[in-house]
Amino acid sequence: MTTDFAIRCQWESALHDSPEVRETSALLTIMLGKTVVTRNEDVWSRTVRDEVRLSAYPLALWCAASWWRLRWEPLPMRPATPNHSWRMAHEMAAAGYGYLWPQLFFAFDGESMHVWARQSAPDAQASVRYLLDAHHAIPGSAFEQTLDEFMAHVIARLDAVDVQRTTLHDLWHEIMEERYDADLAAYRRLEAMLGFDPDECPAELYQKFANLIPRAGAAAITELAPVCASADPGATLERVLAFASAEGLEGRIDLAIPISDSTTAVPTPAWQRGRALARRARAAVGLNGVAVTDKLLCELVNLPMERALNTEDTPRTRSPLSMAIRHGESRQLKFLLRKRNKPGRRFELARLLGDALMADTNDRWLPVTDAKTARQKMQRAFAIEFLCPIQSLIEFLGDDFSSDATEEAAEHFGVSHTAVETHLVNNGLLSADILREYDNYFEFPYVIHPRSL
């Protein structure tokens, strides 16, 4: 079992009508990094302890029923609370069976499983109150390993007490068969990224995505799926296809920065990789801490400044993404831009520059979206550090972090005021409370409403 995420069971049978629930009753301890997220206060006995009395069967059944979406579906793009279907597949409270589960929430970003724990809200009627908040990013493979071990442990317990052929047995067997069938597993992953439960994705919609892979690249498809995970995924995909076929700006990126291969045991977070690449890119063009001019930014993507920064020509029909499209094996790209103000357009161009530097050579489409995937986090981190390096920003501000000073800094570096404030928050120089809609890497990602599942 990994040290990033662990579920431990100390079996002790309890009274329950269902034998599978009764015989898998246990003292459960759930670890998230170094935090025991099951640490709780037993209100009746007035004791605090790390383990909590629950049944492992409902938890295992929820993990199995939600497995594909739990494992592969990212956070929705919109900042509001996700819909009921998403929450049922990603919040542990959905395990149900009348138990008071820890408030744990899971979302995959394409590389890491982000897990948040929230302490219990005050509730005079609750017998157990969970005490700790936490957030931890776990490599997807490590998260999968922990769930596999937990499922094996629960099924072994059921077999040992002669409770066999349960719904869990059948469902987990089916999921394991799907996972080892490469074609079916690919189908299930895309279904999940689009927000569908197994077998709910229309076959024609899946086929449209499959047909797009040779044109866009497999990696691009995993970025497009969260964009299309909407009330009408087919219509959104058609908008994307129409946008990709539109006339764009023809440019070229000649800058090439080798991507360092990490040999450390702990994977580097996406935002750190984006920031590091931005610093290497700035060094390669000799910026030495100074602001990036409009002229230099446009030269780096070989676009005429009067067109690249002309937001008046932006189509009135909003696209759900921006992108650059590679022409064969050359460095030529078609830029399709959507931002309607100059700071936004500069940030958009910087994201596209960063993505072109870090993307696999097999990627034909380089999407820039509002999704919360690792690739988009890398782009955002690259763009803000490239345009507004944190050390230069600190030197510009001195000891003045007021709104007026950060507004002046935003104008100096050619980025939005929100981008400056977010950059300062991400680097621990401002409180996150300063931002009304703050999308960072550590805070809980959406507002929850107690008892709403």
Protein backbone atom coordinates (compact mmCIF):
# COMPACT_ATOMS: atom_id res chain seq x y z
CA MET A 1 0.00 0.00 0.00
CA THR A 2 1.35 3.46 -0.86
CA THR A 3 2.24 6.00 1.80
CA ASP A 4 0.33 8.72 -0.09
CA PHE A 5 -3.06 7.17 0.49
CA ALA A 6 -4.03 4.23 2.68
CA ILE A 7 -7.24 2.58 3.90
CA ARG A 8 -6.77 0.25 6.87
CA CYS A 9 -9.41 -2.05 8.32
CA GLN A 10 -9.49 -3.68 11.74
CA TRP A 11 -12.37 -6.15 11.42
CA GLU A 12 -15.02 -6.39 14.11
CA SER A 13 -18.50 -7.68 13.29
CA ALA A 14 -21.48 -5.55 14.20
CA LEU A 15 -25.24 -5.87 14.13
CA HIS A 16 -26.73 -5.41 10.64
CA ASP A 17 -29.35 -7.20 8.59
CA SER A 18 -27.02 -7.54 5.59
CA PRO A 19 -24.30 -10.19 6.11
CA GLU A 20 -21.84 -8.45 3.76
CA VAL A 21 -22.19 -5.20 5.71
CA ARG A 22 -22.18 -6.95 9.09
CA GLU A 23 -19.10 -9.07 8.43
CA THR A 24 -17.03 -6.21 7.00
CA SER A 25 -17.75 -3.83 9.86
CA ALA A 26 -14.45 -2.47 11.05
CA LEU A 27 -12.49 0.28 12.65
CA LEU A 28 -11.36 2.17 9.54
CA THR A 29 -8.35 4.44 9.35
CA ILE A 30 -7.77 6.51 6.22
CA MET A 31 -4.42 8.21 5.68
CA LEU A 32 -3.86 11.05 3.24
CA GLY A 33 -0.16 11.79 3.11
CA LYS A 34 0.79 12.22 6.77
CA THR A 35 -2.72 13.22 7.81
CA VAL A 36 -5.16 10.78 9.40
CA VAL A 37 -8.33 12.07 7.77
CA THR A 38 -10.55 9.77 9.83
CA ARG A 39 -9.40 11.46 13.05
CA ASN A 40 -12.66 12.13 14.81
CA GLU A 41 -14.42 13.07 17.99
CA ASP A 42 -16.95 10.56 19.23
CA VAL A 43 -19.51 12.99 20.59
CA TRP A 44 -21.25 10.45 22.82
CA SER A 45 -18.13 9.05 24.50
CA ARG A 46 -16.25 12.37 24.30
CA THR A 47 -13.13 10.69 22.93
CA VAL A 48 -10.84 11.58 20.04
CA ARG A 49 -9.29 8.81 17.98
CA ASP A 50 -7.85 8.09 14.56
CA GLU A 51 -10.13 5.21 13.57
CA VAL A 52 -13.89 5.28 13.04
CA ARG A 53 -16.40 2.46 13.18
CA LEU A 54 -17.84 1.92 9.69
CA SER A 55 -18.40 -0.93 7.27
CA ALA A 56 -15.91 -1.51 4.45
CA TYR A 57 -18.48 -3.12 2.15
CA PRO A 58 -20.45 0.06 1.28
CA LEU A 59 -17.19 1.91 0.71
CA ALA A 60 -15.83 -0.82 -1.55
CA LEU A 61 -19.11 -1.05 -3.44
CA TRP A 62 -19.09 2.72 -4.04
CA CYS A 63 -15.47 2.58 -5.24
CA ALA A 64 -16.36 -0.22 -7.66
CA ALA A 65 -19.55 1.41 -8.94
CA SER A 66 -17.75 4.73 -9.45
CA TRP A 67 -14.39 3.29 -10.51
CA TRP A 68 -14.02 4.63 -14.05
CA ARG A 69 -15.23 8.13 -13.27
CA LEU A 70 -13.47 8.23 -9.92
CA ARG A 71 -10.19 7.20 -11.55
CA TRP A 72 -10.27 9.31 -14.74
CA GLU A 73 -12.76 12.19 -14.56
CA PRO A 74 -11.35 15.66 -13.76
CA LEU A 75 -13.02 18.50 -11.94
CA PRO A 76 -15.67 20.24 -14.01
CA MET A 77 -14.47 23.47 -15.60
CA ARG A 78 -17.06 25.70 -13.99
CA PRO A 79 -16.29 27.02 -10.49
CA ALA A 80 -19.77 26.34 -9.11
CA THR A 81 -20.66 23.14 -7.29
CA PRO A 82 -20.59 20.18 -9.72
CA ASN A 83 -23.83 18.45 -10.62
CA HIS A 84 -25.29 15.58 -8.62
CA SER A 85 -23.96 12.91 -10.99
CA TRP A 86 -20.37 14.15 -10.62
CA ARG A 87 -20.63 14.38 -6.84
CA MET A 88 -22.07 10.88 -6.51
CA ALA A 89 -18.99 9.50 -8.30
CA HIS A 90 -16.38 11.63 -6.49
CA GLU A 91 -17.52 12.29 -2.92
CA MET A 92 -17.14 9.51 -0.36
CA ALA A 93 -20.39 10.55 1.33
CA ALA A 94 -22.14 8.83 -1.60
CA ALA A 95 -21.10 5.45 -0.14
CA GLY A 96 -24.23 5.81 1.96
CA TYR A 97 -25.81 2.86 3.81
CA GLY A 98 -26.64 5.24 6.67
CA TYR A 99 -23.02 5.73 7.74
CA LEU A 100 -21.44 9.11 8.47
CA TRP A 101 -18.46 9.01 6.10
CA PRO A 102 -15.46 11.32 6.14
CA GLN A 103 -15.87 14.23 3.75
CA LEU A 104 -13.37 13.08 1.13
CA PHE A 105 -13.45 14.33 -2.46
CA PHE A 106 -11.46 12.97 -5.42
CA ALA A 107 -10.59 14.49 -8.81
CA PHE A 108 -7.99 13.31 -11.35
CA ASP A 109 -6.05 15.92 -13.33
CA GLY A 110 -4.53 13.62 -15.94
CA GLU A 111 -1.46 12.86 -13.82
CA SER A 112 -2.39 13.01 -10.15
CA MET A 113 -5.42 12.20 -8.07
CA HIS A 114 -6.23 15.21 -5.93
CA VAL A 115 -7.89 14.27 -2.67
CA TRP A 116 -9.42 16.81 -0.32
CA ALA A 117 -10.64 16.17 3.21
CA ARG A 118 -12.95 18.55 5.00
CA GLN A 119 -13.64 18.60 8.70
CA SER A 120 -17.26 18.16 9.73
CA ALA A 121 -19.50 21.16 9.99
CA PRO A 122 -20.99 21.69 13.46
CA ASP A 123 -24.02 19.44 13.83
CA ALA A 124 -25.61 18.81 17.20
CA GLN A 125 -27.24 15.60 15.95
CA ALA A 126 -24.09 13.92 14.57
CA SER A 127 -22.49 11.26 16.77
CA VAL A 128 -19.09 11.57 15.04
CA ARG A 129 -17.30 14.75 14.04
CA TYR A 130 -14.29 14.57 11.69
CA LEU A 131 -11.63 17.02 12.78
CA LEU A 132 -9.07 17.62 10.03
CA ASP A 133 -8.77 19.41 6.69
CA ALA A 134 -6.23 18.15 4.16
CA HIS A 135 -5.27 18.11 0.52
CA HIS A 136 -2.85 15.74 -1.16
CA ALA A 137 -1.97 14.96 -4.76
CA ILE A 138 -1.33 11.27 -5.37
CA PRO A 139 0.13 9.77 -8.57
CA GLY A 140 -2.75 8.14 -10.43
CA SER A 141 -1.05 4.74 -10.41
CA ALA A 142 -0.50 4.92 -6.65
CA PHE A 143 -4.14 5.79 -6.03
CA GLU A 144 -5.17 2.88 -8.23
CA GLN A 145 -2.87 0.54 -6.32
CA THR A 146 -4.39 1.55 -2.99
CA LEU A 147 -7.92 0.93 -4.23
CA ASP A 148 -6.93 -2.43 -5.72
CA GLU A 149 -5.43 -3.51 -2.40
CA PHE A 150 -8.44 -2.28 -0.45
CA MET A 151 -10.86 -4.13 -2.75
CA ALA A 152 -8.81 -7.32 -2.50
CA HIS A 153 -8.79 -6.99 1.29
CA VAL A 154 -12.56 -6.57 1.51
CA ILE A 155 -13.28 -9.42 -0.90
CA ALA A 156 -10.87 -11.68 0.99
CA ARG A 157 -12.73 -10.86 4.20
CA LEU A 158 -16.06 -11.73 2.61
CA ASP A 159 -14.66 -15.04 1.34
CA ALA A 160 -13.15 -15.83 4.73
CA VAL A 161 -16.51 -15.48 6.48
CA ASP A 162 -18.27 -17.40 3.68
CA VAL A 163 -20.18 -14.42 2.29
CA GLN A 164 -19.73 -14.99 -1.43
CA ARG A 165 -21.21 -13.97 -4.80
CA THR A 166 -22.11 -10.53 -3.53
CA THR A 167 -22.78 -7.58 -5.81
CA LEU A 168 -19.25 -6.43 -5.03
CA HIS A 169 -17.73 -9.73 -6.20
CA ASP A 170 -19.54 -9.53 -9.54
CA LEU A 171 -18.97 -5.83 -10.13
CA TRP A 172 -15.27 -5.89 -9.31
CA HIS A 173 -14.73 -8.93 -11.51
CA GLU A 174 -16.41 -7.08 -14.39
CA ILE A 175 -14.28 -3.97 -13.84
CA MET A 176 -11.05 -5.97 -13.77
CA GLU A 177 -11.98 -7.61 -17.08
CA GLU A 178 -12.64 -4.17 -18.59
CA ARG A 179 -9.33 -2.84 -17.32
CA TYR A 180 -7.38 -5.64 -18.99
CA ASP A 181 -9.17 -5.21 -22.33
CA ALA A 182 -7.21 -2.35 -23.95
CA ASP A 183 -9.96 -1.27 -26.33
CA LEU A 184 -12.71 -1.41 -23.74
CA ALA A 185 -10.55 0.37 -21.17
CA ALA A 186 -9.94 3.21 -23.65
CA TYR A 187 -13.69 3.45 -24.23
CA ARG A 188 -14.39 3.55 -20.49
CA ARG A 189 -11.73 6.23 -19.87
CA LEU A 190 -13.17 8.54 -22.51
CA GLU A 191 -16.71 7.92 -21.24
CA ALA A 192 -15.56 8.94 -17.77
CA MET A 193 -13.73 12.06 -18.96
CA LEU A 194 -16.90 13.11 -20.77
CA GLY A 195 -18.88 12.68 -17.54
CA PHE A 196 -20.75 9.50 -18.43
CA ASP A 197 -21.29 6.41 -16.33
CA PRO A 198 -20.34 3.11 -18.04
CA ASP A 199 -22.42 2.37 -21.16
CA GLU A 200 -24.15 5.78 -21.05
CA CYS A 201 -21.96 7.52 -23.64
CA PRO A 202 -23.68 7.46 -27.07
CA ALA A 203 -21.71 5.27 -29.45
CA GLU A 204 -21.73 7.92 -32.19
CA LEU A 205 -20.23 10.50 -29.82
CA TYR A 206 -17.42 8.14 -28.84
CA GLN A 207 -16.77 7.37 -32.50
CA LYS A 208 -16.43 11.08 -33.32
CA PHE A 209 -13.72 11.40 -30.69
CA ALA A 210 -12.01 8.21 -31.87
CA ASN A 211 -12.02 9.48 -35.45
CA LEU A 212 -10.46 12.75 -34.30
CA ILE A 213 -7.36 11.11 -32.78
CA PRO A 214 -5.33 10.90 -36.05
CA ARG A 215 -6.12 14.55 -36.77
CA ALA A 216 -5.62 16.04 -33.29
CA GLY A 217 -3.46 13.55 -31.40
CA ALA A 218 -4.36 11.25 -28.53
CA ALA A 219 -3.11 13.68 -25.86
CA ALA A 220 -5.24 16.48 -27.31
CA ILE A 221 -8.34 14.30 -27.03
CA THR A 222 -7.85 13.96 -23.27
CA GLU A 223 -7.82 17.77 -23.06
CA LEU A 224 -10.87 18.17 -25.30
CA ALA A 225 -13.02 15.66 -23.39
CA PRO A 226 -13.35 17.80 -20.21
CA VAL A 227 -14.24 20.80 -22.41
CA CYS A 228 -17.05 18.76 -24.00
CA ALA A 229 -18.29 17.31 -20.70
CA SER A 230 -21.40 19.46 -20.77
CA ALA A 231 -25.16 19.09 -21.02
CA ASP A 232 -24.68 18.52 -24.77
CA PRO A 233 -21.20 17.09 -25.45
CA GLY A 234 -21.94 16.47 -29.12
CA ALA A 235 -22.88 20.10 -29.75
CA THR A 236 -19.79 21.32 -27.89
CA LEU A 237 -17.58 19.03 -29.95
CA GLU A 238 -19.14 20.40 -33.15
CA ARG A 239 -18.28 23.93 -31.98
CA VAL A 240 -14.69 22.82 -31.37
CA LEU A 241 -14.46 21.24 -34.82
CA ALA A 242 -15.87 24.35 -36.49
CA PHE A 243 -13.39 26.52 -34.56
CA ALA A 244 -10.48 24.27 -35.60
CA SER A 245 -11.49 24.60 -39.25
CA ALA A 246 -11.73 28.38 -39.11
CA GLU A 247 -9.13 30.73 -40.56
CA GLY A 248 -6.46 31.54 -38.01
CA LEU A 249 -3.13 33.35 -37.82
CA GLU A 250 -0.19 31.57 -39.39
CA GLY A 251 2.90 31.63 -37.20
CA ARG A 252 5.87 29.60 -36.14
CA ILE A 253 7.72 28.80 -32.91
CA ASP A 254 11.45 28.44 -33.40
CA LEU A 255 12.40 28.48 -29.72
CA ALA A 256 13.27 25.00 -28.42
CA ILE A 257 13.89 24.31 -24.72
CA PRO A 258 14.83 20.75 -23.70
CA ILE A 259 12.42 19.32 -21.12
CA SER A 260 14.32 17.98 -18.13
CA ASP A 261 13.55 14.37 -17.23
CA SER A 262 12.86 14.04 -13.53
CA THR A 263 14.65 11.19 -11.84
CA THR A 264 13.31 11.90 -8.37
CA ALA A 265 11.05 9.40 -6.61
CA VAL A 266 8.41 12.10 -5.99
CA PRO A 267 6.88 13.48 -9.23
CA THR A 268 7.19 17.24 -9.65
CA PRO A 269 3.80 19.00 -9.61
CA ALA A 270 2.64 20.30 -12.96
CA TRP A 271 2.75 23.96 -11.90
CA GLN A 272 6.36 23.61 -10.78
CA ARG A 273 7.33 22.10 -14.13
CA GLY A 274 5.59 24.95 -15.95
CA ARG A 275 7.36 27.55 -13.82
CA ALA A 276 10.76 25.90 -14.31
CA LEU A 277 10.26 25.78 -18.08
CA ALA A 278 9.30 29.47 -18.11
CA ARG A 279 12.52 30.35 -16.33
CA ARG A 280 14.56 28.39 -18.85
CA ALA A 281 12.70 30.04 -21.71
CA ARG A 282 13.32 33.52 -20.27
CA ALA A 283 17.00 32.70 -19.90
CA ALA A 284 17.15 31.42 -23.49
CA VAL A 285 15.88 34.73 -24.87
CA GLY A 286 17.96 36.83 -22.47
CA LEU A 287 15.15 38.51 -20.57
CA ASN A 288 17.04 38.68 -17.25
CA GLY A 289 14.04 39.71 -15.15
CA VAL A 290 12.61 42.38 -17.43
CA ALA A 291 9.00 42.49 -18.63
CA VAL A 292 8.11 40.80 -21.93
CA THR A 293 7.23 43.42 -24.51
CA ASP A 294 4.42 42.97 -27.01
CA LYS A 295 7.02 42.98 -29.78
CA LEU A 296 9.10 40.18 -28.25
CA LEU A 297 6.08 38.03 -27.42
CA CYS A 298 4.81 38.23 -31.00
CA GLU A 299 8.29 37.58 -32.39
CA LEU A 300 8.52 34.38 -30.35
CA VAL A 301 5.41 33.04 -32.09
CA ASN A 302 6.20 34.76 -35.42
CA LEU A 303 2.91 36.61 -35.61
CA PRO A 304 2.43 40.22 -36.73
CA MET A 305 1.80 42.27 -33.61
CA GLU A 306 -1.03 44.28 -35.17
CA ARG A 307 -2.96 41.05 -35.79
CA ALA A 308 -1.93 38.90 -32.83
CA LEU A 309 -2.97 41.54 -30.28
CA ASN A 310 -5.97 42.84 -32.21
CA THR A 311 -8.89 41.62 -30.08
CA GLU A 312 -11.43 43.46 -32.25
CA ASP A 313 -11.29 40.62 -34.80
CA THR A 314 -12.13 37.94 -32.22
CA PRO A 315 -15.24 36.02 -33.40
CA ARG A 316 -18.39 36.98 -31.52
CA THR A 317 -19.37 33.34 -31.16
CA ARG A 318 -17.39 32.25 -28.13
CA SER A 319 -15.19 29.20 -28.48
CA PRO A 320 -14.78 26.89 -25.47
CA LEU A 321 -11.00 26.87 -26.04
CA SER A 322 -8.05 28.37 -27.89
CA MET A 323 -5.56 26.29 -29.80
CA ALA A 324 -2.59 26.12 -32.10
CA ILE A 325 -2.56 23.51 -34.86
CA ARG A 326 0.72 22.10 -36.14
CA HIS A 327 1.27 21.74 -39.86
CA GLY A 328 2.82 18.31 -40.33
CA GLU A 329 6.34 18.00 -38.96
CA SER A 330 7.23 21.67 -39.45
CA ARG A 331 7.35 24.37 -36.81
CA GLN A 332 4.49 26.19 -38.57
CA LEU A 333 1.28 26.61 -36.58
CA LYS A 334 -2.18 28.00 -37.11
CA PHE A 335 -3.14 30.08 -34.07
CA LEU A 336 -6.83 30.24 -33.15
CA LEU A 337 -7.34 32.81 -30.42
CA ARG A 338 -10.39 33.74 -28.34
CA LYS A 339 -9.43 36.28 -25.63
CA ARG A 340 -11.07 39.67 -25.99
CA ASN A 341 -8.72 41.95 -24.04
CA LYS A 342 -5.02 42.63 -24.42
CA PRO A 343 -3.75 41.15 -21.09
CA GLY A 344 -5.86 38.06 -21.75
CA ARG A 345 -4.52 37.78 -25.29
CA ARG A 346 -0.89 38.08 -24.08
CA PHE A 347 -1.52 35.38 -21.49
CA GLU A 348 -3.18 33.21 -24.14
CA LEU A 349 -0.17 33.53 -26.46
CA ALA A 350 2.20 32.73 -23.61
CA ARG A 351 0.18 29.60 -22.76
CA LEU A 352 0.35 28.47 -26.38
CA LEU A 353 4.10 29.12 -26.43
CA GLY A 354 4.54 27.06 -23.28
CA ASP A 355 2.39 24.23 -24.58
CA ALA A 356 4.33 24.11 -27.86
CA LEU A 357 7.58 23.84 -25.87
CA MET A 358 6.35 21.03 -23.64
CA ALA A 359 3.94 19.07 -25.88
CA ASP A 360 4.81 15.74 -27.42
CA THR A 361 5.88 15.94 -31.05
CA ASN A 362 2.94 13.66 -31.96
CA ASP A 363 0.44 16.27 -30.76
CA ARG A 364 -1.15 18.03 -33.70
CA TRP A 365 -3.60 20.20 -31.75
CA LEU A 366 -2.31 22.24 -28.81
CA PRO A 367 -5.44 23.10 -26.79
CA VAL A 368 -5.67 25.93 -24.25
CA THR A 369 -8.75 25.43 -22.10
CA ASP A 370 -10.27 26.35 -18.75
CA ALA A 371 -10.03 22.74 -17.55
CA LYS A 372 -8.19 21.79 -14.37
CA THR A 373 -5.93 19.18 -15.95
CA ALA A 374 -2.20 18.93 -15.31
CA ARG A 375 -1.42 20.12 -18.82
CA GLN A 376 -3.51 23.26 -18.41
CA LYS A 377 -1.93 23.91 -15.00
CA MET A 378 1.50 23.69 -16.62
CA GLN A 379 0.44 26.18 -19.28
CA ARG A 380 -0.90 28.67 -16.74
CA ALA A 381 2.17 28.37 -14.53
CA PHE A 382 4.43 28.82 -17.56
CA ALA A 383 2.53 31.87 -18.79
CA ILE A 384 2.47 33.80 -15.52
CA GLU A 385 6.12 33.10 -14.70
CA PHE A 386 7.21 33.89 -18.26
CA LEU A 387 5.31 37.19 -18.42
CA CYS A 388 5.59 38.16 -14.76
CA PRO A 389 8.42 36.29 -12.98
CA ILE A 390 7.75 36.17 -9.27
CA GLN A 391 11.13 37.54 -8.23
CA SER A 392 10.77 40.51 -10.58
CA LEU A 393 7.24 41.06 -9.30
CA ILE A 394 8.44 41.10 -5.68
CA GLU A 395 11.18 43.59 -6.55
CA PHE A 396 8.69 45.80 -8.37
CA LEU A 397 6.24 45.81 -5.44
CA GLY A 398 8.78 46.18 -2.66
CA ASP A 399 6.83 46.11 0.60
CA ASP A 400 3.60 47.40 -0.94
CA PHE A 401 1.09 44.63 -1.71
CA SER A 402 -1.90 46.94 -1.85
CA SER A 403 -4.49 46.77 -4.60
CA ASP A 404 -3.14 49.96 -6.17
CA ALA A 405 0.40 48.57 -6.24
CA THR A 406 -0.65 45.23 -7.74
CA GLU A 407 -2.72 47.10 -10.36
CA GLU A 408 0.40 49.05 -11.31
CA ALA A 409 2.42 45.82 -11.45
CA ALA A 410 -0.19 44.22 -13.71
CA GLU A 411 0.10 47.13 -16.14
CA HIS A 412 3.91 46.98 -16.03
CA PHE A 413 4.08 43.26 -16.83
CA GLY A 414 1.14 43.29 -19.27
CA VAL A 415 -1.05 40.81 -17.40
CA SER A 416 -4.38 41.06 -15.61
CA HIS A 417 -4.70 42.26 -12.04
CA THR A 418 -6.22 38.91 -11.09
CA ALA A 419 -3.20 37.12 -12.57
CA VAL A 420 -0.84 39.17 -10.40
CA GLU A 421 -2.87 38.53 -7.25
CA THR A 422 -3.15 34.82 -8.02
CA HIS A 423 0.60 34.65 -8.64
CA LEU A 424 1.25 36.24 -5.25
CA VAL A 425 -1.21 33.91 -3.54
CA ASN A 426 0.32 30.82 -5.16
CA ASN A 427 3.71 31.92 -3.87
CA GLY A 428 2.44 32.47 -0.34
CA LEU A 429 2.70 36.27 -0.43
CA LEU A 430 -1.01 37.05 -0.22
CA SER A 431 -3.92 35.31 1.44
CA ALA A 432 -6.27 33.41 -0.87
CA ASP A 433 -9.13 35.34 0.72
CA ILE A 434 -8.23 38.29 -1.49
CA LEU A 435 -9.62 36.51 -4.55
CA ARG A 436 -13.34 35.94 -4.93
CA GLU A 437 -12.94 33.13 -7.47
CA TYR A 438 -9.59 31.61 -6.72
CA ASP A 439 -8.46 28.51 -8.60
CA ASN A 440 -5.23 27.41 -6.99
CA TYR A 441 -3.64 24.03 -6.43
CA PHE A 442 -4.33 23.57 -2.74
CA GLU A 443 -7.71 24.91 -1.64
CA PHE A 444 -10.92 22.96 -1.79
CA PRO A 445 -12.23 23.36 -5.34
CA TYR A 446 -15.92 24.10 -4.85
CA VAL A 447 -18.58 25.02 -2.35
CA ILE A 448 -20.36 22.08 -0.75
CA HIS A 449 -23.74 21.99 0.89
CA PRO A 450 -24.17 19.69 3.89
CA ARG A 451 -26.62 16.81 3.51
CA SER A 452 -27.03 17.52 -0.20
CA LEU A 453 -26.15 14.00 -1.38
